[in-house]
Amino acid sequence: MDNARGARRRQVLGIGVAVIGSAIVKPARAQTKVSQAQAQYQDKPKNGQQCDGCAQFEAPSSCKLVDGKIAPQGWCMFFVKKPG
């Protein structure tokens, strides 16, 4: 009985190690951006919010989440005010 239990425990542990190991060696996937239409992007500010004040904006004209050229004075539904 103890041998069967120990074998089962080793089997479960082995599976866990294999799963964790495969997660570690897999290369990171590139993050897929959403389209400007999906983000409801517009090239003008909305309610005082604009892209250059957003944590997702990457100067001079891109975004971490939205595909395509992004105007610093633009806006989308993913706006998150920069900290500080």
PDB file of N, CA and C in Angstrom:
ATOM      1  N   MET A   1       0.819  -1.184   0.000  1.00  0.00           N
ATOM      2  CA  MET A   1       0.000   0.000   0.000  1.00  0.00           C
ATOM      3  C   MET A   1       0.866   1.251   0.000  1.00  0.00           C
ATOM      4  N   ASP A   2       1.898   1.301   0.856  1.00  0.00           N
ATOM      5  CA  ASP A   2       2.780   2.451   0.911  1.00  0.00           C
ATOM      6  C   ASP A   2       3.544   2.633  -0.396  1.00  0.00           C
ATOM      7  N   ASN A   3       3.957   1.519  -1.015  1.00  0.00           N
ATOM      8  CA  ASN A   3       4.661   1.616  -2.292  1.00  0.00           C
ATOM      9  C   ASN A   3       3.759   2.193  -3.374  1.00  0.00           C
ATOM     10  N   ALA A   4       2.499   1.808  -3.394  1.00  0.00           N
ATOM     11  CA  ALA A   4       1.560   2.328  -4.385  1.00  0.00           C
ATOM     12  C   ALA A   4       1.322   3.814  -4.163  1.00  0.00           C
ATOM     13  N   ARG A   5       1.161   4.196  -2.910  1.00  0.00           N
ATOM     14  CA  ARG A   5       0.941   5.605  -2.590  1.00  0.00           C
ATOM     15  C   ARG A   5       2.172   6.429  -2.956  1.00  0.00           C
ATOM     16  N   GLY A   6       3.349   5.921  -2.657  1.00  0.00           N
ATOM     17  CA  GLY A   6       4.586   6.628  -2.980  1.00  0.00           C
ATOM     18  C   GLY A   6       4.778   6.752  -4.485  1.00  0.00           C
ATOM     19  N   ALA A   7       4.435   5.697  -5.219  1.00  0.00           N
ATOM     20  CA  ALA A   7       4.550   5.741  -6.676  1.00  0.00           C
ATOM     21  C   ALA A   7       3.590   6.780  -7.253  1.00  0.00           C
ATOM     22  N   ARG A   8       2.385   6.811  -6.715  1.00  0.00           N
ATOM     23  CA  ARG A   8       1.386   7.783  -7.186  1.00  0.00           C
ATOM     24  C   ARG A   8       1.857   9.209  -6.886  1.00  0.00           C
ATOM     25  N   ARG A   9       2.404   9.418  -5.707  1.00  0.00           N
ATOM     26  CA  ARG A   9       2.904  10.744  -5.317  1.00  0.00           C
ATOM     27  C   ARG A   9       4.039  11.176  -6.241  1.00  0.00           C
ATOM     28  N   ARG A  10       4.950  10.256  -6.568  1.00  0.00           N
ATOM     29  CA  ARG A  10       6.054  10.577  -7.473  1.00  0.00           C
ATOM     30  C   ARG A  10       5.537  10.888  -8.877  1.00  0.00           C
ATOM     31  N   GLN A  11       4.496  10.166  -9.301  1.00  0.00           N
ATOM     32  CA  GLN A  11       3.917  10.394 -10.614  1.00  0.00           C
ATOM     33  C   GLN A  11       3.297  11.792 -10.686  1.00  0.00           C
ATOM     34  N   VAL A  12       2.535  12.155  -9.672  1.00  0.00           N
ATOM     35  CA  VAL A  12       1.905  13.468  -9.636  1.00  0.00           C
ATOM     36  C   VAL A  12       2.977  14.560  -9.572  1.00  0.00           C
ATOM     37  N   LEU A  13       3.973  14.362  -8.754  1.00  0.00           N
ATOM     38  CA  LEU A  13       5.058  15.325  -8.643  1.00  0.00           C
ATOM     39  C   LEU A  13       5.788  15.467  -9.973  1.00  0.00           C
ATOM     40  N   GLY A  14       6.028  14.361 -10.623  1.00  0.00           N
ATOM     41  CA  GLY A  14       6.704  14.388 -11.934  1.00  0.00           C
ATOM     42  C   GLY A  14       5.908  15.158 -12.967  1.00  0.00           C
ATOM     43  N   ILE A  15       4.598  14.985 -12.969  1.00  0.00           N
ATOM     44  CA  ILE A  15       3.744  15.717 -13.906  1.00  0.00           C
ATOM     45  C   ILE A  15       3.813  17.210 -13.606  1.00  0.00           C
ATOM     46  N   GLY A  16       3.747  17.549 -12.326  1.00  0.00           N
ATOM     47  CA  GLY A  16       3.827  18.963 -11.937  1.00  0.00           C
ATOM     48  C   GLY A  16       5.126  19.595 -12.363  1.00  0.00           C
ATOM     49  N   VAL A  17       6.233  18.899 -12.164  1.00  0.00           N
ATOM     50  CA  VAL A  17       7.541  19.417 -12.560  1.00  0.00           C
ATOM     51  C   VAL A  17       7.600  19.577 -14.075  1.00  0.00           C
ATOM     52  N   ALA A  18       7.050  18.631 -14.815  1.00  0.00           N
ATOM     53  CA  ALA A  18       7.054  18.712 -16.273  1.00  0.00           C
ATOM     54  C   ALA A  18       6.251  19.913 -16.761  1.00  0.00           C
ATOM     55  N   VAL A  19       5.112  20.146 -16.156  1.00  0.00           N
ATOM     56  CA  VAL A  19       4.268  21.286 -16.554  1.00  0.00           C
ATOM     57  C   VAL A  19       4.968  22.603 -16.248  1.00  0.00           C
ATOM     58  N   ILE A  20       5.507  22.723 -15.055  1.00  0.00           N
ATOM     59  CA  ILE A  20       6.205  23.950 -14.680  1.00  0.00           C
ATOM     60  C   ILE A  20       7.439  24.146 -15.560  1.00  0.00           C
ATOM     61  N   GLY A  21       8.170  23.092 -15.798  1.00  0.00           N
ATOM     62  CA  GLY A  21       9.365  23.177 -16.643  1.00  0.00           C
ATOM     63  C   GLY A  21       9.044  23.617 -18.055  1.00  0.00           C
ATOM     64  N   SER A  22       7.961  23.100 -18.616  1.00  0.00           N
ATOM     65  CA  SER A  22       7.602  23.485 -19.978  1.00  0.00           C
ATOM     66  C   SER A  22       7.162  24.940 -20.030  1.00  0.00           C
ATOM     67  N   ALA A  23       6.550  25.431 -18.971  1.00  0.00           N
ATOM     68  CA  ALA A  23       6.138  26.839 -18.932  1.00  0.00           C
ATOM     69  C   ALA A  23       7.349  27.749 -18.871  1.00  0.00           C
ATOM     70  N   ILE A  24       8.394  27.317 -18.202  1.00  0.00           N
ATOM     71  CA  ILE A  24       9.594  28.128 -18.055  1.00  0.00           C
ATOM     72  C   ILE A  24      10.364  28.222 -19.369  1.00  0.00           C
ATOM     73  N   VAL A  25      10.461  27.125 -20.117  1.00  0.00           N
ATOM     74  CA  VAL A  25      11.270  27.135 -21.329  1.00  0.00           C
ATOM     75  C   VAL A  25      10.533  27.649 -22.556  1.00  0.00           C
ATOM     76  N   LYS A  26       9.230  27.808 -22.482  1.00  0.00           N
ATOM     77  CA  LYS A  26       8.504  28.344 -23.635  1.00  0.00           C
ATOM     78  C   LYS A  26       8.854  29.814 -23.804  1.00  0.00           C
ATOM     79  N   PRO A  27       9.114  30.228 -25.045  1.00  0.00           N
ATOM     80  CA  PRO A  27       9.402  31.649 -25.259  1.00  0.00           C
ATOM     81  C   PRO A  27       8.149  32.479 -25.020  1.00  0.00           C
ATOM     82  N   ALA A  28       8.366  33.702 -24.584  1.00  0.00           N
ATOM     83  CA  ALA A  28       7.239  34.604 -24.339  1.00  0.00           C
ATOM     84  C   ALA A  28       6.562  34.926 -25.666  1.00  0.00           C
ATOM     85  N   ARG A  29       5.244  34.922 -25.654  1.00  0.00           N
ATOM     86  CA  ARG A  29       4.498  35.252 -26.863  1.00  0.00           C
ATOM     87  C   ARG A  29       4.430  36.769 -27.017  1.00  0.00           C
ATOM     88  N   ALA A  30       4.458  37.204 -28.254  1.00  0.00           N
ATOM     89  CA  ALA A  30       4.300  38.630 -28.515  1.00  0.00           C
ATOM     90  C   ALA A  30       2.868  39.023 -28.177  1.00  0.00           C
ATOM     91  N   GLN A  31       2.734  40.143 -27.534  1.00  0.00           N
ATOM     92  CA  GLN A  31       1.408  40.606 -27.163  1.00  0.00           C
ATOM     93  C   GLN A  31       0.724  41.153 -28.405  1.00  0.00           C
ATOM     94  N   THR A  32      -0.496  40.694 -28.660  1.00  0.00           N
ATOM     95  CA  THR A  32      -1.251  41.144 -29.801  1.00  0.00           C
ATOM     96  C   THR A  32      -1.976  42.440 -29.464  1.00  0.00           C
ATOM     97  N   LYS A  33      -1.846  43.415 -30.332  1.00  0.00           N
ATOM     98  CA  LYS A  33      -2.516  44.691 -30.121  1.00  0.00           C
ATOM     99  C   LYS A  33      -3.908  44.638 -30.748  1.00  0.00           C
ATOM    100  N   VAL A  34      -4.794  45.460 -30.242  1.00  0.00           N
ATOM    101  CA  VAL A  34      -6.132  45.563 -30.814  1.00  0.00           C
ATOM    102  C   VAL A  34      -6.143  46.655 -31.877  1.00  0.00           C
ATOM    103  N   SER A  35      -7.123  46.586 -32.760  1.00  0.00           N
ATOM    104  CA  SER A  35      -7.236  47.605 -33.803  1.00  0.00           C
ATOM    105  C   SER A  35      -7.715  48.920 -33.194  1.00  0.00           C
ATOM    106  N   GLN A  36      -7.505  49.985 -33.927  1.00  0.00           N
ATOM    107  CA  GLN A  36      -7.971  51.289 -33.472  1.00  0.00           C
ATOM    108  C   GLN A  36      -9.494  51.301 -33.349  1.00  0.00           C
ATOM    109  N   ALA A  37     -10.173  50.623 -34.252  1.00  0.00           N
ATOM    110  CA  ALA A  37     -11.639  50.558 -34.189  1.00  0.00           C
ATOM    111  C   ALA A  37     -12.094  49.833 -32.925  1.00  0.00           C
ATOM    112  N   GLN A  38     -11.446  48.725 -32.592  1.00  0.00           N
ATOM    113  CA  GLN A  38     -11.809  47.971 -31.378  1.00  0.00           C
ATOM    114  C   GLN A  38     -11.584  48.806 -30.124  1.00  0.00           C
ATOM    115  N   ALA A  39     -10.564  49.650 -30.140  1.00  0.00           N
ATOM    116  CA  ALA A  39     -10.228  50.486 -28.987  1.00  0.00           C
ATOM    117  C   ALA A  39     -11.036  51.779 -28.963  1.00  0.00           C
ATOM    118  N   GLN A  40     -11.857  51.988 -29.971  1.00  0.00           N
ATOM    119  CA  GLN A  40     -12.624  53.226 -30.117  1.00  0.00           C
ATOM    120  C   GLN A  40     -11.689  54.440 -30.134  1.00  0.00           C
ATOM    121  N   TYR A  41     -10.531  54.255 -30.780  1.00  0.00           N
ATOM    122  CA  TYR A  41      -9.521  55.307 -30.869  1.00  0.00           C
ATOM    123  C   TYR A  41     -10.037  56.482 -31.686  1.00  0.00           C
ATOM    124  N   GLN A  42      -9.697  57.667 -31.243  1.00  0.00           N
ATOM    125  CA  GLN A  42      -9.951  58.898 -31.999  1.00  0.00           C
ATOM    126  C   GLN A  42      -8.713  59.766 -31.892  1.00  0.00           C
ATOM    127  N   ASP A  43      -8.476  60.610 -32.883  1.00  0.00           N
ATOM    128  CA  ASP A  43      -7.247  61.409 -32.902  1.00  0.00           C
ATOM    129  C   ASP A  43      -7.381  62.738 -32.181  1.00  0.00           C
ATOM    130  N   LYS A  44      -8.365  62.857 -31.320  1.00  0.00           N
ATOM    131  CA  LYS A  44      -8.544  64.069 -30.508  1.00  0.00           C
ATOM    132  C   LYS A  44      -8.851  63.654 -29.065  1.00  0.00           C
ATOM    133  N   PRO A  45      -8.597  64.532 -28.099  1.00  0.00           N
ATOM    134  CA  PRO A  45      -8.828  64.200 -26.693  1.00  0.00           C
ATOM    135  C   PRO A  45     -10.314  63.993 -26.380  1.00  0.00           C
ATOM    136  N   LYS A  46     -10.571  63.362 -25.249  1.00  0.00           N
ATOM    137  CA  LYS A  46     -11.944  63.178 -24.782  1.00  0.00           C
ATOM    138  C   LYS A  46     -11.986  63.471 -23.285  1.00  0.00           C
ATOM    139  N   ASN A  47     -12.828  64.397 -22.896  1.00  0.00           N
ATOM    140  CA  ASN A  47     -13.010  64.759 -21.482  1.00  0.00           C
ATOM    141  C   ASN A  47     -11.686  65.066 -20.776  1.00  0.00           C
ATOM    142  N   GLY A  48     -10.790  65.758 -21.482  1.00  0.00           N
ATOM    143  CA  GLY A  48      -9.505  66.131 -20.893  1.00  0.00           C
ATOM    144  C   GLY A  48      -8.474  65.012 -20.879  1.00  0.00           C
ATOM    145  N   GLN A  49      -8.815  63.854 -21.407  1.00  0.00           N
ATOM    146  CA  GLN A  49      -7.868  62.730 -21.461  1.00  0.00           C
ATOM    147  C   GLN A  49      -7.285  62.643 -22.863  1.00  0.00           C
ATOM    148  N   GLN A  50      -5.969  62.425 -22.930  1.00  0.00           N
ATOM    149  CA  GLN A  50      -5.326  62.225 -24.231  1.00  0.00           C
ATOM    150  C   GLN A  50      -4.146  61.288 -24.088  1.00  0.00           C
ATOM    151  N   CYS A  51      -3.776  60.687 -25.201  1.00  0.00           N
ATOM    152  CA  CYS A  51      -2.783  59.612 -25.204  1.00  0.00           C
ATOM    153  C   CYS A  51      -1.463  59.950 -24.519  1.00  0.00           C
ATOM    154  N   ASP A  52      -0.944  61.150 -24.706  1.00  0.00           N
ATOM    155  CA  ASP A  52       0.352  61.453 -24.093  1.00  0.00           C
ATOM    156  C   ASP A  52       0.285  61.543 -22.568  1.00  0.00           C
ATOM    157  N   GLY A  53      -0.907  61.503 -22.005  1.00  0.00           N
ATOM    158  CA  GLY A  53      -1.083  61.442 -20.558  1.00  0.00           C
ATOM    159  C   GLY A  53      -1.450  60.051 -20.080  1.00  0.00           C
ATOM    160  N   CYS A  54      -1.369  59.064 -20.981  1.00  0.00           N
ATOM    161  CA  CYS A  54      -1.764  57.676 -20.681  1.00  0.00           C
ATOM    162  C   CYS A  54      -0.541  56.795 -20.423  1.00  0.00           C
ATOM    163  N   ALA A  55      -0.674  55.880 -19.493  1.00  0.00           N
ATOM    164  CA  ALA A  55       0.407  54.953 -19.147  1.00  0.00           C
ATOM    165  C   ALA A  55       0.738  53.994 -20.288  1.00  0.00           C
ATOM    166  N   GLN A  56      -0.185  53.806 -21.248  1.00  0.00           N
ATOM    167  CA  GLN A  56       0.029  52.874 -22.357  1.00  0.00           C
ATOM    168  C   GLN A  56       0.737  53.524 -23.552  1.00  0.00           C
ATOM    169  N   PHE A  57       0.811  54.850 -23.572  1.00  0.00           N
ATOM    170  CA  PHE A  57       1.380  55.575 -24.709  1.00  0.00           C
ATOM    171  C   PHE A  57       2.892  55.407 -24.755  1.00  0.00           C
ATOM    172  N   GLU A  58       3.421  55.198 -25.976  1.00  0.00           N
ATOM    173  CA  GLU A  58       4.859  55.093 -26.206  1.00  0.00           C
ATOM    174  C   GLU A  58       5.242  56.146 -27.241  1.00  0.00           C
ATOM    175  N   ALA A  59       5.873  57.213 -26.751  1.00  0.00           N
ATOM    176  CA  ALA A  59       6.266  58.319 -27.636  1.00  0.00           C
ATOM    177  C   ALA A  59       7.208  57.801 -28.724  1.00  0.00           C
ATOM    178  N   PRO A  60       7.179  58.342 -29.911  1.00  0.00           N
ATOM    179  CA  PRO A  60       6.402  59.519 -30.253  1.00  0.00           C
ATOM    180  C   PRO A  60       4.983  59.221 -30.747  1.00  0.00           C
ATOM    181  N   SER A  61       4.699  57.991 -31.214  1.00  0.00           N
ATOM    182  CA  SER A  61       3.376  57.792 -31.822  1.00  0.00           C
ATOM    183  C   SER A  61       2.892  56.348 -31.808  1.00  0.00           C
ATOM    184  N   SER A  62       3.053  55.654 -30.680  1.00  0.00           N
ATOM    185  CA  SER A  62       2.534  54.291 -30.603  1.00  0.00           C
ATOM    186  C   SER A  62       1.964  54.007 -29.219  1.00  0.00           C
ATOM    187  N   CYS A  63       1.369  52.833 -29.094  1.00  0.00           N
ATOM    188  CA  CYS A  63       0.697  52.433 -27.865  1.00  0.00           C
ATOM    189  C   CYS A  63       1.004  50.972 -27.574  1.00  0.00           C
ATOM    190  N   LYS A  64       1.053  50.615 -26.328  1.00  0.00           N
ATOM    191  CA  LYS A  64       1.299  49.236 -25.922  1.00  0.00           C
ATOM    192  C   LYS A  64       0.126  48.325 -26.270  1.00  0.00           C
ATOM    193  N   LEU A  65      -1.073  48.895 -26.382  1.00  0.00           N
ATOM    194  CA  LEU A  65      -2.280  48.088 -26.579  1.00  0.00           C
ATOM    195  C   LEU A  65      -2.951  48.243 -27.933  1.00  0.00           C
ATOM    196  N   VAL A  66      -2.783  49.410 -28.562  1.00  0.00           N
ATOM    197  CA  VAL A  66      -3.510  49.718 -29.796  1.00  0.00           C
ATOM    198  C   VAL A  66      -2.548  49.752 -30.979  1.00  0.00           C
ATOM    199  N   ASP A  67      -2.943  49.121 -32.066  1.00  0.00           N
ATOM    200  CA  ASP A  67      -2.116  49.022 -33.266  1.00  0.00           C
ATOM    201  C   ASP A  67      -2.161  50.315 -34.078  1.00  0.00           C
ATOM    202  N   GLY A  68      -1.104  50.569 -34.810  1.00  0.00           N
ATOM    203  CA  GLY A  68      -1.065  51.692 -35.728  1.00  0.00           C
ATOM    204  C   GLY A  68      -0.466  52.945 -35.115  1.00  0.00           C
ATOM    205  N   LYS A  69      -0.445  54.002 -35.929  1.00  0.00           N
ATOM    206  CA  LYS A  69       0.101  55.282 -35.487  1.00  0.00           C
ATOM    207  C   LYS A  69      -0.899  55.956 -34.553  1.00  0.00           C
ATOM    208  N   ILE A  70      -0.401  56.400 -33.406  1.00  0.00           N
ATOM    209  CA  ILE A  70      -1.238  57.003 -32.368  1.00  0.00           C
ATOM    210  C   ILE A  70      -0.822  58.462 -32.168  1.00  0.00           C
ATOM    211  N   ALA A  71      -1.783  59.362 -32.258  1.00  0.00           N
ATOM    212  CA  ALA A  71      -1.517  60.786 -32.045  1.00  0.00           C
ATOM    213  C   ALA A  71      -1.396  61.065 -30.553  1.00  0.00           C
ATOM    214  N   PRO A  72      -0.397  61.841 -30.139  1.00  0.00           N
ATOM    215  CA  PRO A  72      -0.252  62.178 -28.717  1.00  0.00           C
ATOM    216  C   PRO A  72      -1.507  62.829 -28.133  1.00  0.00           C
ATOM    217  N   GLN A  73      -2.244  63.552 -28.958  1.00  0.00           N
ATOM    218  CA  GLN A  73      -3.463  64.204 -28.496  1.00  0.00           C
ATOM    219  C   GLN A  73      -4.709  63.324 -28.702  1.00  0.00           C
ATOM    220  N   GLY A  74      -4.515  62.067 -29.107  1.00  0.00           N
ATOM    221  CA  GLY A  74      -5.628  61.140 -29.322  1.00  0.00           C
ATOM    222  C   GLY A  74      -6.185  60.577 -28.021  1.00  0.00           C
ATOM    223  N   TRP A  75      -7.144  59.677 -28.155  1.00  0.00           N
ATOM    224  CA  TRP A  75      -7.785  59.047 -26.993  1.00  0.00           C
ATOM    225  C   TRP A  75      -8.348  57.697 -27.418  1.00  0.00           C
ATOM    226  N   CYS A  76      -8.425  56.743 -26.461  1.00  0.00           N
ATOM    227  CA  CYS A  76      -9.136  55.482 -26.683  1.00  0.00           C
ATOM    228  C   CYS A  76      -9.705  54.989 -25.357  1.00  0.00           C
ATOM    229  N   MET A  77     -10.502  53.945 -25.436  1.00  0.00           N
ATOM    230  CA  MET A  77     -11.187  53.421 -24.256  1.00  0.00           C
ATOM    231  C   MET A  77     -10.244  52.795 -23.226  1.00  0.00           C
ATOM    232  N   PHE A  78      -8.994  52.578 -23.584  1.00  0.00           N
ATOM    233  CA  PHE A  78      -8.030  51.974 -22.658  1.00  0.00           C
ATOM    234  C   PHE A  78      -7.231  53.010 -21.880  1.00  0.00           C
ATOM    235  N   PHE A  79      -7.625  54.278 -21.954  1.00  0.00           N
ATOM    236  CA  PHE A  79      -6.884  55.333 -21.282  1.00  0.00           C
ATOM    237  C   PHE A  79      -6.736  55.036 -19.779  1.00  0.00           C
ATOM    238  N   VAL A  80      -5.477  55.122 -19.325  1.00  0.00           N
ATOM    239  CA  VAL A  80      -5.138  54.993 -17.903  1.00  0.00           C
ATOM    240  C   VAL A  80      -4.136  56.102 -17.605  1.00  0.00           C
ATOM    241  N   LYS A  81      -4.517  56.983 -16.724  1.00  0.00           N
ATOM    242  CA  LYS A  81      -3.659  58.133 -16.397  1.00  0.00           C
ATOM    243  C   LYS A  81      -2.285  57.668 -15.919  1.00  0.00           C
ATOM    244  N   LYS A  82      -1.247  58.323 -16.432  1.00  0.00           N
ATOM    245  CA  LYS A  82       0.122  58.022 -15.999  1.00  0.00           C
ATOM    246  C   LYS A  82       0.235  58.286 -14.508  1.00  0.00           C
ATOM    247  N   PRO A  83       0.945  57.415 -13.794  1.00  0.00           N
ATOM    248  CA  PRO A  83       1.126  57.659 -12.349  1.00  0.00           C
ATOM    249  C   PRO A  83       2.011  58.874 -12.109  1.00  0.00           C
ATOM    250  N   GLY A  84       1.794  59.491 -10.987  1.00  0.00           N
ATOM    251  CA  GLY A  84       2.663  60.585 -10.585  1.00  0.00           C
ATOM    252  C   GLY A  84       2.079  61.866 -10.833  1.00  0.00           C
TER     253      GLY A  84
END
